């Protein structure tokens, strides 16, 4: 359900932010490492460290605000 939103954000932030998707069914180790218990879970990394986590369906605008806070 979040794919269209994630794809749109990847286009909006192209060249400034790296945005990717990971299938937790195929990558259970990553899900365990970051404590993913609900889907969708959005993880924001800054300087290689986990900076914020959002769980559940989130509006594109809310995700954009989160990204913008960390770009400033």
PDB file of N, CA and C in Angstrom:
ATOM      1  N   UNK A   1       0.805  -1.209   0.000  1.00  0.00           N
ATOM      2  CA  UNK A   1       0.000   0.000   0.000  1.00  0.00           C
ATOM      3  C   UNK A   1       0.849   1.275   0.000  1.00  0.00           C
ATOM      4  N   UNK A   2       2.036   1.176   0.565  1.00  0.00           N
ATOM      5  CA  UNK A   2       2.884   2.363   0.662  1.00  0.00           C
ATOM      6  C   UNK A   2       3.768   2.558  -0.561  1.00  0.00           C
ATOM      7  N   UNK A   3       3.839   1.564  -1.444  1.00  0.00           N
ATOM      8  CA  UNK A   3       4.748   1.662  -2.598  1.00  0.00           C
ATOM      9  C   UNK A   3       4.568   2.923  -3.425  1.00  0.00           C
ATOM     10  N   UNK A   4       3.332   3.304  -3.777  1.00  0.00           N
ATOM     11  CA  UNK A   4       3.197   4.541  -4.563  1.00  0.00           C
ATOM     12  C   UNK A   4       3.726   5.774  -3.828  1.00  0.00           C
ATOM     13  N   UNK A   5       3.498   5.830  -2.527  1.00  0.00           N
ATOM     14  CA  UNK A   5       3.980   6.961  -1.729  1.00  0.00           C
ATOM     15  C   UNK A   5       5.505   6.958  -1.673  1.00  0.00           C
ATOM     16  N   UNK A   6       6.087   5.806  -1.432  1.00  0.00           N
ATOM     17  CA  UNK A   6       7.552   5.701  -1.352  1.00  0.00           C
ATOM     18  C   UNK A   6       8.181   6.049  -2.695  1.00  0.00           C
ATOM     19  N   UNK A   7       7.587   5.553  -3.776  1.00  0.00           N
ATOM     20  CA  UNK A   7       8.102   5.867  -5.114  1.00  0.00           C
ATOM     21  C   UNK A   7       8.023   7.361  -5.407  1.00  0.00           C
ATOM     22  N   UNK A   8       6.919   7.992  -5.015  1.00  0.00           N
ATOM     23  CA  UNK A   8       6.762   9.438  -5.232  1.00  0.00           C
ATOM     24  C   UNK A   8       7.792  10.218  -4.424  1.00  0.00           C
ATOM     25  N   UNK A   9       8.023   9.815  -3.182  1.00  0.00           N
ATOM     26  CA  UNK A   9       9.026  10.488  -2.356  1.00  0.00           C
ATOM     27  C   UNK A   9      10.428  10.303  -2.928  1.00  0.00           C
ATOM     28  N   UNK A  10      10.712   9.123  -3.459  1.00  0.00           N
ATOM     29  CA  UNK A  10      12.015   8.876  -4.086  1.00  0.00           C
ATOM     30  C   UNK A  10      12.222   9.831  -5.252  1.00  0.00           C
ATOM     31  N   UNK A  11      11.176  10.086  -6.022  1.00  0.00           N
ATOM     32  CA  UNK A  11      11.269  11.047  -7.127  1.00  0.00           C
ATOM     33  C   UNK A  11      11.455  12.467  -6.594  1.00  0.00           C
ATOM     34  N   UNK A  12      10.657  12.832  -5.578  1.00  0.00           N
ATOM     35  CA  UNK A  12      10.719  14.189  -5.019  1.00  0.00           C
ATOM     36  C   UNK A  12      12.088  14.517  -4.428  1.00  0.00           C
ATOM     37  N   UNK A  13      12.725  13.535  -3.816  1.00  0.00           N
ATOM     38  CA  UNK A  13      13.993  13.769  -3.115  1.00  0.00           C
ATOM     39  C   UNK A  13      15.197  13.220  -3.873  1.00  0.00           C
ATOM     40  N   UNK A  14      15.007  12.927  -5.133  1.00  0.00           N
ATOM     41  CA  UNK A  14      16.080  12.375  -5.954  1.00  0.00           C
ATOM     42  C   UNK A  14      17.324  13.263  -5.889  1.00  0.00           C
ATOM     43  N   UNK A  15      18.467  12.646  -5.630  1.00  0.00           N
ATOM     44  CA  UNK A  15      19.719  13.389  -5.551  1.00  0.00           C
ATOM     45  C   UNK A  15      20.016  13.948  -4.177  1.00  0.00           C
ATOM     46  N   UNK A  16      19.034  13.926  -3.278  1.00  0.00           N
ATOM     47  CA  UNK A  16      19.244  14.457  -1.928  1.00  0.00           C
ATOM     48  C   UNK A  16      19.130  13.383  -0.854  1.00  0.00           C
ATOM     49  N   UNK A  17      18.309  12.364  -1.131  1.00  0.00           N
ATOM     50  CA  UNK A  17      18.033  11.314  -0.163  1.00  0.00           C
ATOM     51  C   UNK A  17      17.989   9.984  -0.908  1.00  0.00           C
ATOM     52  N   UNK A  18      18.489   8.945  -0.289  1.00  0.00           N
ATOM     53  CA  UNK A  18      18.365   7.603  -0.854  1.00  0.00           C
ATOM     54  C   UNK A  18      17.155   6.943  -0.191  1.00  0.00           C
ATOM     55  N   UNK A  19      16.198   6.542  -1.003  1.00  0.00           N
ATOM     56  CA  UNK A  19      14.988   5.896  -0.496  1.00  0.00           C
ATOM     57  C   UNK A  19      14.911   4.505  -1.110  1.00  0.00           C
ATOM     58  N   UNK A  20      14.693   3.524  -0.263  1.00  0.00           N
ATOM     59  CA  UNK A  20      14.607   2.146  -0.738  1.00  0.00           C
ATOM     60  C   UNK A  20      13.509   1.391  -0.030  1.00  0.00           C
ATOM     61  N   UNK A  21      13.210   0.217  -0.561  1.00  0.00           N
ATOM     62  CA  UNK A  21      12.203  -0.666   0.021  1.00  0.00           C
ATOM     63  C   UNK A  21      12.842  -2.021   0.271  1.00  0.00           C
ATOM     64  N   UNK A  22      12.365  -2.693   1.305  1.00  0.00           N
ATOM     65  CA  UNK A  22      12.888  -4.003   1.659  1.00  0.00           C
ATOM     66  C   UNK A  22      11.713  -4.910   2.016  1.00  0.00           C
ATOM     67  N   UNK A  23      11.674  -6.085   1.425  1.00  0.00           N
ATOM     68  CA  UNK A  23      10.644  -7.062   1.739  1.00  0.00           C
ATOM     69  C   UNK A  23      11.084  -7.826   2.982  1.00  0.00           C
ATOM     70  N   UNK A  24      10.374  -7.628   4.100  1.00  0.00           N
ATOM     71  CA  UNK A  24      10.784  -8.260   5.350  1.00  0.00           C
ATOM     72  C   UNK A  24      10.546  -9.758   5.344  1.00  0.00           C
ATOM     73  N   UNK A  25       9.640 -10.248   4.493  1.00  0.00           N
ATOM     74  CA  UNK A  25       9.437 -11.690   4.392  1.00  0.00           C
ATOM     75  C   UNK A  25      10.671 -12.363   3.797  1.00  0.00           C
ATOM     76  N   UNK A  26      11.356 -11.666   2.908  1.00  0.00           N
ATOM     77  CA  UNK A  26      12.542 -12.205   2.264  1.00  0.00           C
ATOM     78  C   UNK A  26      13.834 -11.820   2.996  1.00  0.00           C
ATOM     79  N   UNK A  27      13.736 -10.895   3.939  1.00  0.00           N
ATOM     80  CA  UNK A  27      14.907 -10.377   4.654  1.00  0.00           C
ATOM     81  C   UNK A  27      14.624 -10.305   6.156  1.00  0.00           C
ATOM     82  N   UNK A  28      14.305 -11.439   6.724  1.00  0.00           N
ATOM     83  CA  UNK A  28      13.934 -11.491   8.140  1.00  0.00           C
ATOM     84  C   UNK A  28      15.021 -11.004   9.078  1.00  0.00           C
ATOM     85  N   UNK A  29      16.267 -11.191   8.704  1.00  0.00           N
ATOM     86  CA  UNK A  29      17.373 -10.740   9.552  1.00  0.00           C
ATOM     87  C   UNK A  29      17.363  -9.231   9.744  1.00  0.00           C
ATOM     88  N   UNK A  30      17.094  -8.511   8.674  1.00  0.00           N
ATOM     89  CA  UNK A  30      17.037  -7.048   8.771  1.00  0.00           C
ATOM     90  C   UNK A  30      15.864  -6.625   9.638  1.00  0.00           C
ATOM     91  N   UNK A  31      14.739  -7.302   9.490  1.00  0.00           N
ATOM     92  CA  UNK A  31      13.563  -6.987  10.305  1.00  0.00           C
ATOM     93  C   UNK A  31      13.872  -7.208  11.787  1.00  0.00           C
ATOM     94  N   UNK A  32      14.534  -8.297  12.095  1.00  0.00           N
ATOM     95  CA  UNK A  32      14.899  -8.567  13.496  1.00  0.00           C
ATOM     96  C   UNK A  32      15.899  -7.541  14.006  1.00  0.00           C
ATOM     97  N   UNK A  33      16.871  -7.205  13.182  1.00  0.00           N
ATOM     98  CA  UNK A  33      17.923  -6.260  13.602  1.00  0.00           C
ATOM     99  C   UNK A  33      17.345  -4.911  14.015  1.00  0.00           C
ATOM    100  N   UNK A  34      16.323  -4.466  13.295  1.00  0.00           N
ATOM    101  CA  UNK A  34      15.747  -3.149  13.571  1.00  0.00           C
ATOM    102  C   UNK A  34      14.420  -3.220  14.315  1.00  0.00           C
ATOM    103  N   UNK A  35      14.041  -4.396  14.804  1.00  0.00           N
ATOM    104  CA  UNK A  35      12.850  -4.541  15.630  1.00  0.00           C
ATOM    105  C   UNK A  35      11.551  -4.269  14.895  1.00  0.00           C
ATOM    106  N   UNK A  36      11.495  -4.620  13.626  1.00  0.00           N
ATOM    107  CA  UNK A  36      10.271  -4.406  12.846  1.00  0.00           C
ATOM    108  C   UNK A  36       9.242  -5.431  13.289  1.00  0.00           C
ATOM    109  N   UNK A  37       8.131  -4.926  13.826  1.00  0.00           N
ATOM    110  CA  UNK A  37       7.063  -5.804  14.297  1.00  0.00           C
ATOM    111  C   UNK A  37       5.767  -5.562  13.542  1.00  0.00           C
ATOM    112  N   UNK A  38       5.674  -4.445  12.889  1.00  0.00           N
ATOM    113  CA  UNK A  38       4.475  -4.102  12.122  1.00  0.00           C
ATOM    114  C   UNK A  38       4.852  -3.683  10.718  1.00  0.00           C
ATOM    115  N   UNK A  39       3.931  -3.910   9.813  1.00  0.00           N
ATOM    116  CA  UNK A  39       4.164  -3.545   8.418  1.00  0.00           C
ATOM    117  C   UNK A  39       3.030  -2.609   8.000  1.00  0.00           C
ATOM    118  N   UNK A  40       3.331  -1.489   7.406  1.00  0.00           N
ATOM    119  CA  UNK A  40       4.646  -1.000   7.013  1.00  0.00           C
ATOM    120  C   UNK A  40       5.383  -0.319   8.172  1.00  0.00           C
ATOM    121  N   UNK A  41       6.684  -0.418   8.126  1.00  0.00           N
ATOM    122  CA  UNK A  41       7.567   0.303   9.035  1.00  0.00           C
ATOM    123  C   UNK A  41       8.542   1.099   8.187  1.00  0.00           C
ATOM    124  N   UNK A  42       8.663   2.378   8.481  1.00  0.00           N
ATOM    125  CA  UNK A  42       9.592   3.250   7.768  1.00  0.00           C
ATOM    126  C   UNK A  42      10.736   3.587   8.713  1.00  0.00           C
ATOM    127  N   UNK A  43      11.943   3.342   8.261  1.00  0.00           N
ATOM    128  CA  UNK A  43      13.140   3.640   9.052  1.00  0.00           C
ATOM    129  C   UNK A  43      13.909   4.760   8.373  1.00  0.00           C
ATOM    130  N   UNK A  44      14.245   5.791   9.120  1.00  0.00           N
ATOM    131  CA  UNK A  44      15.030   6.895   8.581  1.00  0.00           C
ATOM    132  C   UNK A  44      16.421   6.814   9.188  1.00  0.00           C
ATOM    133  N   UNK A  45      17.406   6.716   8.320  1.00  0.00           N
ATOM    134  CA  UNK A  45      18.801   6.670   8.743  1.00  0.00           C
ATOM    135  C   UNK A  45      19.470   7.990   8.399  1.00  0.00           C
ATOM    136  N   UNK A  46      20.284   8.468   9.327  1.00  0.00           N
ATOM    137  CA  UNK A  46      21.061   9.686   9.094  1.00  0.00           C
ATOM    138  C   UNK A  46      22.492   9.392   9.516  1.00  0.00           C
ATOM    139  N   UNK A  47      23.418   9.645   8.620  1.00  0.00           N
ATOM    140  CA  UNK A  47      24.831   9.378   8.877  1.00  0.00           C
ATOM    141  C   UNK A  47      25.056   7.920   9.285  1.00  0.00           C
ATOM    142  N   UNK A  48      24.306   7.006   8.665  1.00  0.00           N
ATOM    143  CA  UNK A  48      24.474   5.589   8.914  1.00  0.00           C
ATOM    144  C   UNK A  48      23.820   5.058  10.179  1.00  0.00           C
ATOM    145  N   UNK A  49      23.159   5.929  10.916  1.00  0.00           N
ATOM    146  CA  UNK A  49      22.520   5.529  12.170  1.00  0.00           C
ATOM    147  C   UNK A  49      21.001   5.683  12.058  1.00  0.00           C
ATOM    148  N   UNK A  50      20.273   4.773  12.696  1.00  0.00           N
ATOM    149  CA  UNK A  50      18.822   4.877  12.721  1.00  0.00           C
ATOM    150  C   UNK A  50      18.429   6.128  13.489  1.00  0.00           C
ATOM    151  N   UNK A  51      17.713   7.034  12.817  1.00  0.00           N
ATOM    152  CA  UNK A  51      17.342   8.307  13.430  1.00  0.00           C
ATOM    153  C   UNK A  51      15.878   8.336  13.869  1.00  0.00           C
ATOM    154  N   UNK A  52      14.995   7.739  13.075  1.00  0.00           N
ATOM    155  CA  UNK A  52      13.572   7.738  13.414  1.00  0.00           C
ATOM    156  C   UNK A  52      12.890   6.538  12.799  1.00  0.00           C
ATOM    157  N   UNK A  53      11.772   6.149  13.414  1.00  0.00           N
ATOM    158  CA  UNK A  53      10.965   5.032  12.928  1.00  0.00           C
ATOM    159  C   UNK A  53       9.506   5.446  12.909  1.00  0.00           C
ATOM    160  N   UNK A  54       8.824   5.117  11.828  1.00  0.00           N
ATOM    161  CA  UNK A  54       7.374   5.320  11.722  1.00  0.00           C
ATOM    162  C   UNK A  54       6.746   3.968  11.428  1.00  0.00           C
ATOM    163  N   UNK A  55       5.686   3.630  12.158  1.00  0.00           N
ATOM    164  CA  UNK A  55       5.000   2.359  11.947  1.00  0.00           C
ATOM    165  C   UNK A  55       3.562   2.645  11.541  1.00  0.00           C
ATOM    166  N   UNK A  56       3.107   1.933  10.513  1.00  0.00           N
ATOM    167  CA  UNK A  56       1.735   2.077  10.041  1.00  0.00           C
ATOM    168  C   UNK A  56       1.657   2.940   8.801  1.00  0.00           C
ATOM    169  N   UNK A  57       0.449   3.053   8.285  1.00  0.00           N
ATOM    170  CA  UNK A  57       0.233   3.885   7.103  1.00  0.00           C
ATOM    171  C   UNK A  57       0.382   5.347   7.472  1.00  0.00           C
ATOM    172  N   UNK A  58       1.227   6.029   6.761  1.00  0.00           N
ATOM    173  CA  UNK A  58       1.526   7.432   7.037  1.00  0.00           C
ATOM    174  C   UNK A  58       1.376   8.212   5.736  1.00  0.00           C
ATOM    175  N   UNK A  59       0.777   9.390   5.824  1.00  0.00           N
ATOM    176  CA  UNK A  59       0.586  10.234   4.641  1.00  0.00           C
ATOM    177  C   UNK A  59       1.927  10.710   4.093  1.00  0.00           C
ATOM    178  N   UNK A  60       1.971  10.894   2.789  1.00  0.00           N
ATOM    179  CA  UNK A  60       3.186  11.363   2.109  1.00  0.00           C
ATOM    180  C   UNK A  60       3.689  12.661   2.735  1.00  0.00           C
ATOM    181  N   UNK A  61       2.787  13.554   3.052  1.00  0.00           N
ATOM    182  CA  UNK A  61       3.171  14.855   3.622  1.00  0.00           C
ATOM    183  C   UNK A  61       3.865  14.692   4.974  1.00  0.00           C
ATOM    184  N   UNK A  62       3.397  13.745   5.770  1.00  0.00           N
ATOM    185  CA  UNK A  62       4.004  13.522   7.082  1.00  0.00           C
ATOM    186  C   UNK A  62       5.422  12.955   6.935  1.00  0.00           C
ATOM    187  N   UNK A  63       5.599  12.049   5.986  1.00  0.00           N
ATOM    188  CA  UNK A  63       6.930  11.491   5.738  1.00  0.00           C
ATOM    189  C   UNK A  63       7.858  12.577   5.207  1.00  0.00           C
ATOM    190  N   UNK A  64       7.345  13.420   4.321  1.00  0.00           N
ATOM    191  CA  UNK A  64       8.150  14.517   3.775  1.00  0.00           C
ATOM    192  C   UNK A  64       8.599  15.464   4.886  1.00  0.00           C
ATOM    193  N   UNK A  65       7.726  15.767   5.841  1.00  0.00           N
ATOM    194  CA  UNK A  65       8.097  16.630   6.966  1.00  0.00           C
ATOM    195  C   UNK A  65       9.211  15.990   7.788  1.00  0.00           C
ATOM    196  N   UNK A  66       9.111  14.681   7.996  1.00  0.00           N
ATOM    197  CA  UNK A  66      10.138  13.958   8.744  1.00  0.00           C
ATOM    198  C   UNK A  66      11.482  14.050   8.026  1.00  0.00           C
ATOM    199  N   UNK A  67      11.466  13.808   6.721  1.00  0.00           N
ATOM    200  CA  UNK A  67      12.703  13.886   5.939  1.00  0.00           C
ATOM    201  C   UNK A  67      13.268  15.298   5.971  1.00  0.00           C
ATOM    202  N   UNK A  68      12.403  16.289   5.770  1.00  0.00           N
ATOM    203  CA  UNK A  68      12.849  17.684   5.751  1.00  0.00           C
ATOM    204  C   UNK A  68      13.498  18.095   7.072  1.00  0.00           C
ATOM    205  N   UNK A  69      12.962  17.606   8.200  1.00  0.00           N
ATOM    206  CA  UNK A  69      13.557  17.921   9.505  1.00  0.00           C
ATOM    207  C   UNK A  69      14.997  17.440   9.588  1.00  0.00           C
ATOM    208  N   UNK A  70      15.278  16.312   8.966  1.00  0.00           N
ATOM    209  CA  UNK A  70      16.620  15.754   9.041  1.00  0.00           C
ATOM    210  C   UNK A  70      17.551  16.300   7.967  1.00  0.00           C
ATOM    211  N   UNK A  71      16.994  16.946   6.956  1.00  0.00           N
ATOM    212  CA  UNK A  71      17.826  17.578   5.927  1.00  0.00           C
ATOM    213  C   UNK A  71      18.305  18.951   6.360  1.00  0.00           C
ATOM    214  N   UNK A  72      17.574  19.575   7.260  1.00  0.00           N
ATOM    215  CA  UNK A  72      17.901  20.944   7.696  1.00  0.00           C
ATOM    216  C   UNK A  72      19.165  20.998   8.504  1.00  0.00           C
TER     217      UNK A  72
END
